[in-house]
């Protein structure tokens, strides 16, 4: 979420934006050796969870959608993104979130 929010200001960043970007880069450098762990369970079921926040951006009133993909209980993919269009209802936002998740799986 931090990267998504920060990326909105990278066209014309001010000093606080650059300080935050440098802080985030230092954090990422310190966690470069972290990895994804898989458990030894024989369960290889694929589960996907998606959600959205209708009108989350206070500037543009666009919604934020996200999903995560789990294989056998282990996280293998995720995404959170501000939608490119302005949705008129929460049902429309949820539908767009589901369609993005299904597109990623296929």
N, C-alpha and C. Protein backbone atom coordinates (compact mmCIF):
# COMPACT_ATOMS: atom_id res chain seq x y z
N UNK A 1 0.82 -1.18 0.00
CA UNK A 1 0.00 0.00 0.00
C UNK A 1 0.87 1.27 0.00
N UNK A 2 2.00 1.20 0.69
CA UNK A 2 2.87 2.38 0.76
C UNK A 2 3.44 2.73 -0.61
N UNK A 3 3.84 1.71 -1.35
CA UNK A 3 4.41 1.95 -2.67
C UNK A 3 3.34 2.52 -3.61
N UNK A 4 2.14 1.97 -3.53
CA UNK A 4 1.05 2.45 -4.37
C UNK A 4 0.75 3.93 -4.09
N UNK A 5 0.66 4.27 -2.83
CA UNK A 5 0.36 5.66 -2.48
C UNK A 5 1.51 6.60 -2.87
N UNK A 6 2.72 6.16 -2.62
CA UNK A 6 3.89 6.99 -2.92
C UNK A 6 4.07 7.20 -4.42
N UNK A 7 3.74 6.19 -5.21
CA UNK A 7 3.94 6.28 -6.66
C UNK A 7 3.09 7.37 -7.31
N UNK A 8 2.04 7.80 -6.65
CA UNK A 8 1.19 8.85 -7.20
C UNK A 8 1.91 10.20 -7.25
N UNK A 9 2.98 10.35 -6.49
CA UNK A 9 3.66 11.64 -6.39
C UNK A 9 5.03 11.65 -7.08
N UNK A 10 5.37 10.60 -7.80
CA UNK A 10 6.70 10.51 -8.37
C UNK A 10 6.90 11.36 -9.63
N UNK A 11 5.85 11.88 -10.23
CA UNK A 11 6.01 12.77 -11.38
C UNK A 11 6.65 14.10 -10.95
N UNK A 12 6.15 14.63 -9.84
CA UNK A 12 6.67 15.89 -9.29
C UNK A 12 6.81 15.76 -7.77
N UNK A 13 7.82 15.02 -7.32
CA UNK A 13 7.94 14.80 -5.88
C UNK A 13 8.46 16.02 -5.14
N UNK A 14 7.96 16.18 -3.93
CA UNK A 14 8.47 17.20 -3.02
C UNK A 14 9.42 16.51 -2.04
N UNK A 15 10.07 17.27 -1.21
CA UNK A 15 11.05 16.73 -0.27
C UNK A 15 10.46 15.62 0.61
N UNK A 16 9.26 15.77 1.19
CA UNK A 16 8.72 14.67 2.01
C UNK A 16 8.51 13.38 1.21
N UNK A 17 8.14 13.52 -0.06
CA UNK A 17 7.94 12.33 -0.89
C UNK A 17 9.26 11.61 -1.12
N UNK A 18 10.31 12.38 -1.39
CA UNK A 18 11.61 11.77 -1.62
C UNK A 18 12.15 11.13 -0.34
N UNK A 19 11.93 11.78 0.80
CA UNK A 19 12.37 11.20 2.07
C UNK A 19 11.66 9.88 2.34
N UNK A 20 10.38 9.84 2.05
CA UNK A 20 9.61 8.62 2.24
C UNK A 20 10.08 7.54 1.27
N UNK A 21 10.36 7.91 0.03
CA UNK A 21 10.86 6.94 -0.96
C UNK A 21 12.20 6.37 -0.52
N UNK A 22 13.09 7.19 -0.03
CA UNK A 22 14.39 6.71 0.45
C UNK A 22 14.23 5.80 1.66
N UNK A 23 13.32 6.13 2.55
CA UNK A 23 13.05 5.30 3.72
C UNK A 23 12.54 3.92 3.26
N UNK A 24 11.64 3.91 2.30
CA UNK A 24 11.10 2.67 1.78
C UNK A 24 12.18 1.83 1.10
N UNK A 25 13.06 2.47 0.35
CA UNK A 25 14.16 1.75 -0.30
C UNK A 25 15.13 1.15 0.72
N UNK A 26 15.40 1.89 1.80
CA UNK A 26 16.27 1.35 2.85
C UNK A 26 15.62 0.12 3.50
N UNK A 27 14.31 0.20 3.70
CA UNK A 27 13.59 -0.95 4.26
C UNK A 27 13.70 -2.16 3.33
N UNK A 28 13.46 -1.95 2.05
CA UNK A 28 13.54 -3.05 1.08
C UNK A 28 14.94 -3.63 1.01
N UNK A 29 15.96 -2.79 1.09
CA UNK A 29 17.34 -3.28 1.07
C UNK A 29 17.61 -4.17 2.28
N UNK A 30 17.05 -3.80 3.41
CA UNK A 30 17.24 -4.58 4.63
C UNK A 30 16.48 -5.89 4.66
N UNK A 31 15.50 -6.06 3.79
CA UNK A 31 14.71 -7.29 3.76
C UNK A 31 14.94 -8.08 2.47
N UNK A 32 16.04 -7.82 1.78
CA UNK A 32 16.30 -8.47 0.49
C UNK A 32 16.48 -9.98 0.63
N UNK A 33 16.91 -10.45 1.81
CA UNK A 33 17.13 -11.89 1.98
C UNK A 33 15.89 -12.62 2.47
N UNK A 34 14.77 -11.94 2.62
CA UNK A 34 13.53 -12.59 3.00
C UNK A 34 13.02 -13.40 1.82
N UNK A 35 12.28 -14.43 2.07
CA UNK A 35 11.78 -15.27 0.98
C UNK A 35 10.37 -15.74 1.26
N UNK A 36 9.86 -16.52 0.33
CA UNK A 36 8.55 -17.13 0.47
C UNK A 36 8.76 -18.56 0.96
N UNK A 37 8.08 -18.93 2.02
CA UNK A 37 8.21 -20.26 2.58
C UNK A 37 7.00 -21.10 2.18
N UNK A 38 7.26 -22.32 1.76
CA UNK A 38 6.20 -23.27 1.45
C UNK A 38 6.18 -24.33 2.53
N UNK A 39 4.98 -24.69 2.95
CA UNK A 39 4.90 -25.74 3.97
C UNK A 39 4.94 -27.10 3.30
N UNK A 40 5.04 -28.14 4.09
CA UNK A 40 5.16 -29.50 3.55
C UNK A 40 3.82 -30.20 3.41
N UNK A 41 2.75 -29.48 3.47
CA UNK A 41 1.42 -30.06 3.35
C UNK A 41 1.19 -30.57 1.93
N UNK A 42 0.52 -31.72 1.79
CA UNK A 42 0.22 -32.23 0.45
C UNK A 42 -0.93 -31.49 -0.23
N UNK A 43 -1.52 -30.53 0.46
CA UNK A 43 -2.64 -29.76 -0.08
C UNK A 43 -2.14 -28.75 -1.11
N UNK A 44 -2.59 -28.91 -2.36
CA UNK A 44 -2.22 -27.97 -3.41
C UNK A 44 -3.45 -27.27 -3.96
N UNK A 45 -4.37 -26.95 -3.07
CA UNK A 45 -5.57 -26.25 -3.52
C UNK A 45 -5.22 -24.78 -3.79
N UNK A 46 -5.88 -24.23 -4.76
CA UNK A 46 -5.67 -22.83 -5.14
C UNK A 46 -6.81 -22.02 -4.56
N UNK A 47 -6.48 -21.02 -3.77
CA UNK A 47 -7.49 -20.13 -3.18
C UNK A 47 -7.15 -18.70 -3.54
N UNK A 48 -8.18 -17.94 -3.82
CA UNK A 48 -8.01 -16.54 -4.19
C UNK A 48 -8.98 -15.70 -3.37
N UNK A 49 -8.46 -14.63 -2.80
CA UNK A 49 -9.29 -13.68 -2.06
C UNK A 49 -9.14 -12.32 -2.71
N UNK A 50 -10.25 -11.63 -2.88
CA UNK A 50 -10.19 -10.29 -3.44
C UNK A 50 -11.09 -9.36 -2.64
N UNK A 51 -10.76 -8.10 -2.69
CA UNK A 51 -11.55 -7.10 -1.97
C UNK A 51 -11.33 -5.76 -2.64
N UNK A 52 -12.20 -4.83 -2.31
CA UNK A 52 -12.06 -3.50 -2.87
C UNK A 52 -12.54 -2.47 -1.85
N UNK A 53 -12.09 -1.25 -2.06
CA UNK A 53 -12.47 -0.14 -1.21
C UNK A 53 -13.07 0.93 -2.12
N UNK A 54 -14.38 1.03 -2.11
CA UNK A 54 -15.09 1.91 -3.03
C UNK A 54 -14.79 3.38 -2.72
N UNK A 55 -14.26 4.09 -3.69
CA UNK A 55 -13.95 5.51 -3.54
C UNK A 55 -12.87 5.79 -2.53
N UNK A 56 -11.86 4.94 -2.44
CA UNK A 56 -10.83 5.05 -1.41
C UNK A 56 -9.96 6.29 -1.56
N UNK A 57 -9.65 6.69 -2.78
CA UNK A 57 -8.78 7.84 -2.99
C UNK A 57 -9.58 9.12 -2.79
N UNK A 58 -9.20 9.91 -1.82
CA UNK A 58 -9.96 11.13 -1.52
C UNK A 58 -9.79 12.19 -2.60
N UNK A 59 -8.71 12.13 -3.39
CA UNK A 59 -8.50 13.12 -4.45
C UNK A 59 -9.33 12.82 -5.69
N UNK A 60 -9.27 11.58 -6.17
CA UNK A 60 -9.94 11.23 -7.42
C UNK A 60 -11.24 10.46 -7.22
N UNK A 61 -11.51 9.99 -6.01
CA UNK A 61 -12.67 9.17 -5.67
C UNK A 61 -12.65 7.83 -6.39
N UNK A 62 -11.49 7.43 -6.90
CA UNK A 62 -11.38 6.12 -7.53
C UNK A 62 -11.19 5.05 -6.46
N UNK A 63 -11.57 3.85 -6.80
CA UNK A 63 -11.52 2.75 -5.85
C UNK A 63 -10.19 2.02 -5.92
N UNK A 64 -9.86 1.37 -4.82
CA UNK A 64 -8.66 0.55 -4.74
C UNK A 64 -9.11 -0.90 -4.64
N UNK A 65 -8.55 -1.75 -5.49
CA UNK A 65 -8.87 -3.17 -5.45
C UNK A 65 -7.60 -3.96 -5.20
N UNK A 66 -7.79 -5.14 -4.66
CA UNK A 66 -6.64 -5.99 -4.40
C UNK A 66 -7.04 -7.44 -4.32
N UNK A 67 -6.06 -8.30 -4.49
CA UNK A 67 -6.30 -9.73 -4.36
C UNK A 67 -5.03 -10.42 -3.91
N UNK A 68 -5.20 -11.62 -3.37
CA UNK A 68 -4.06 -12.47 -3.04
C UNK A 68 -4.38 -13.90 -3.48
N UNK A 69 -3.34 -14.60 -3.92
CA UNK A 69 -3.48 -15.96 -4.42
C UNK A 69 -2.65 -16.87 -3.54
N UNK A 70 -3.29 -17.94 -3.05
CA UNK A 70 -2.61 -18.90 -2.19
C UNK A 70 -2.62 -20.27 -2.84
N UNK A 71 -1.49 -20.94 -2.81
CA UNK A 71 -1.36 -22.30 -3.30
C UNK A 71 -0.99 -23.17 -2.13
N UNK A 72 -1.90 -24.05 -1.73
CA UNK A 72 -1.65 -24.90 -0.56
C UNK A 72 -1.47 -24.11 0.71
N UNK A 73 -2.10 -22.97 0.82
CA UNK A 73 -1.99 -22.14 2.01
C UNK A 73 -0.81 -21.19 2.01
N UNK A 74 -0.02 -21.19 0.94
CA UNK A 74 1.15 -20.31 0.85
C UNK A 74 0.90 -19.21 -0.18
N UNK A 75 1.21 -18.00 0.18
CA UNK A 75 1.00 -16.86 -0.69
C UNK A 75 1.95 -16.92 -1.89
N UNK A 76 1.38 -16.90 -3.09
CA UNK A 76 2.23 -16.94 -4.29
C UNK A 76 2.02 -15.72 -5.18
N UNK A 77 1.00 -14.93 -4.92
CA UNK A 77 0.79 -13.73 -5.73
C UNK A 77 -0.17 -12.78 -5.04
N UNK A 78 0.03 -11.48 -5.28
CA UNK A 78 -0.85 -10.48 -4.71
C UNK A 78 -0.73 -9.20 -5.53
N UNK A 79 -1.74 -8.36 -5.41
CA UNK A 79 -1.71 -7.07 -6.10
C UNK A 79 -2.72 -6.14 -5.45
N UNK A 80 -2.38 -4.89 -5.39
CA UNK A 80 -3.27 -3.85 -4.93
C UNK A 80 -3.08 -2.67 -5.87
N UNK A 81 -4.18 -2.16 -6.40
CA UNK A 81 -4.06 -1.11 -7.40
C UNK A 81 -5.30 -0.21 -7.39
N UNK A 82 -5.07 1.06 -7.67
CA UNK A 82 -6.18 1.98 -7.84
C UNK A 82 -6.79 1.72 -9.21
N UNK A 83 -8.12 1.64 -9.26
CA UNK A 83 -8.78 1.38 -10.53
C UNK A 83 -8.64 2.58 -11.46
N UNK A 84 -8.63 2.29 -12.76
CA UNK A 84 -8.42 3.35 -13.74
C UNK A 84 -9.70 4.12 -14.04
N UNK A 85 -10.85 3.55 -13.71
CA UNK A 85 -12.13 4.20 -13.99
C UNK A 85 -12.85 4.50 -12.68
N UNK A 86 -13.77 5.41 -12.73
CA UNK A 86 -14.57 5.77 -11.57
C UNK A 86 -15.81 4.88 -11.54
N UNK A 87 -15.93 4.06 -10.52
CA UNK A 87 -17.07 3.15 -10.41
C UNK A 87 -18.23 3.86 -9.72
N UNK A 88 -19.44 3.55 -10.18
CA UNK A 88 -20.63 4.22 -9.66
C UNK A 88 -21.29 3.49 -8.50
N UNK A 89 -20.88 2.25 -8.22
CA UNK A 89 -21.46 1.52 -7.10
C UNK A 89 -20.43 0.57 -6.51
N UNK A 90 -20.68 0.15 -5.28
CA UNK A 90 -19.77 -0.79 -4.63
C UNK A 90 -19.83 -2.16 -5.32
N UNK A 91 -20.99 -2.53 -5.86
CA UNK A 91 -21.11 -3.80 -6.58
C UNK A 91 -20.23 -3.79 -7.83
N UNK A 92 -20.18 -2.68 -8.53
CA UNK A 92 -19.34 -2.56 -9.72
C UNK A 92 -17.86 -2.69 -9.34
N UNK A 93 -17.48 -2.09 -8.22
CA UNK A 93 -16.10 -2.17 -7.76
C UNK A 93 -15.73 -3.61 -7.43
N UNK A 94 -16.62 -4.32 -6.74
CA UNK A 94 -16.36 -5.71 -6.38
C UNK A 94 -16.25 -6.57 -7.64
N UNK A 95 -17.10 -6.33 -8.62
CA UNK A 95 -17.05 -7.09 -9.87
C UNK A 95 -15.71 -6.86 -10.58
N UNK A 96 -15.27 -5.62 -10.62
CA UNK A 96 -13.97 -5.33 -11.25
C UNK A 96 -12.83 -6.01 -10.50
N UNK A 97 -12.91 -6.04 -9.18
CA UNK A 97 -11.89 -6.70 -8.38
C UNK A 97 -11.84 -8.19 -8.69
N UNK A 98 -13.01 -8.83 -8.76
CA UNK A 98 -13.06 -10.25 -9.08
C UNK A 98 -12.53 -10.53 -10.48
N UNK A 99 -12.87 -9.68 -11.44
CA UNK A 99 -12.41 -9.92 -12.80
C UNK A 99 -10.89 -9.79 -12.92
N UNK A 100 -10.29 -8.87 -12.17
CA UNK A 100 -8.83 -8.73 -12.18
C UNK A 100 -8.17 -9.96 -11.57
N UNK A 101 -8.75 -10.47 -10.47
CA UNK A 101 -8.21 -11.67 -9.82
C UNK A 101 -8.31 -12.89 -10.74
N UNK A 102 -9.44 -13.06 -11.39
CA UNK A 102 -9.62 -14.19 -12.31
C UNK A 102 -8.68 -14.08 -13.49
N UNK A 103 -8.49 -12.87 -14.00
CA UNK A 103 -7.56 -12.68 -15.12
C UNK A 103 -6.14 -13.05 -14.70
N UNK A 104 -5.76 -12.74 -13.48
CA UNK A 104 -4.41 -13.08 -13.01
C UNK A 104 -4.25 -14.59 -12.88
N UNK A 105 -5.27 -15.28 -12.43
CA UNK A 105 -5.19 -16.73 -12.28
C UNK A 105 -5.07 -17.41 -13.64
N UNK A 106 -5.89 -16.97 -14.59
CA UNK A 106 -5.88 -17.62 -15.89
C UNK A 106 -4.64 -17.24 -16.65
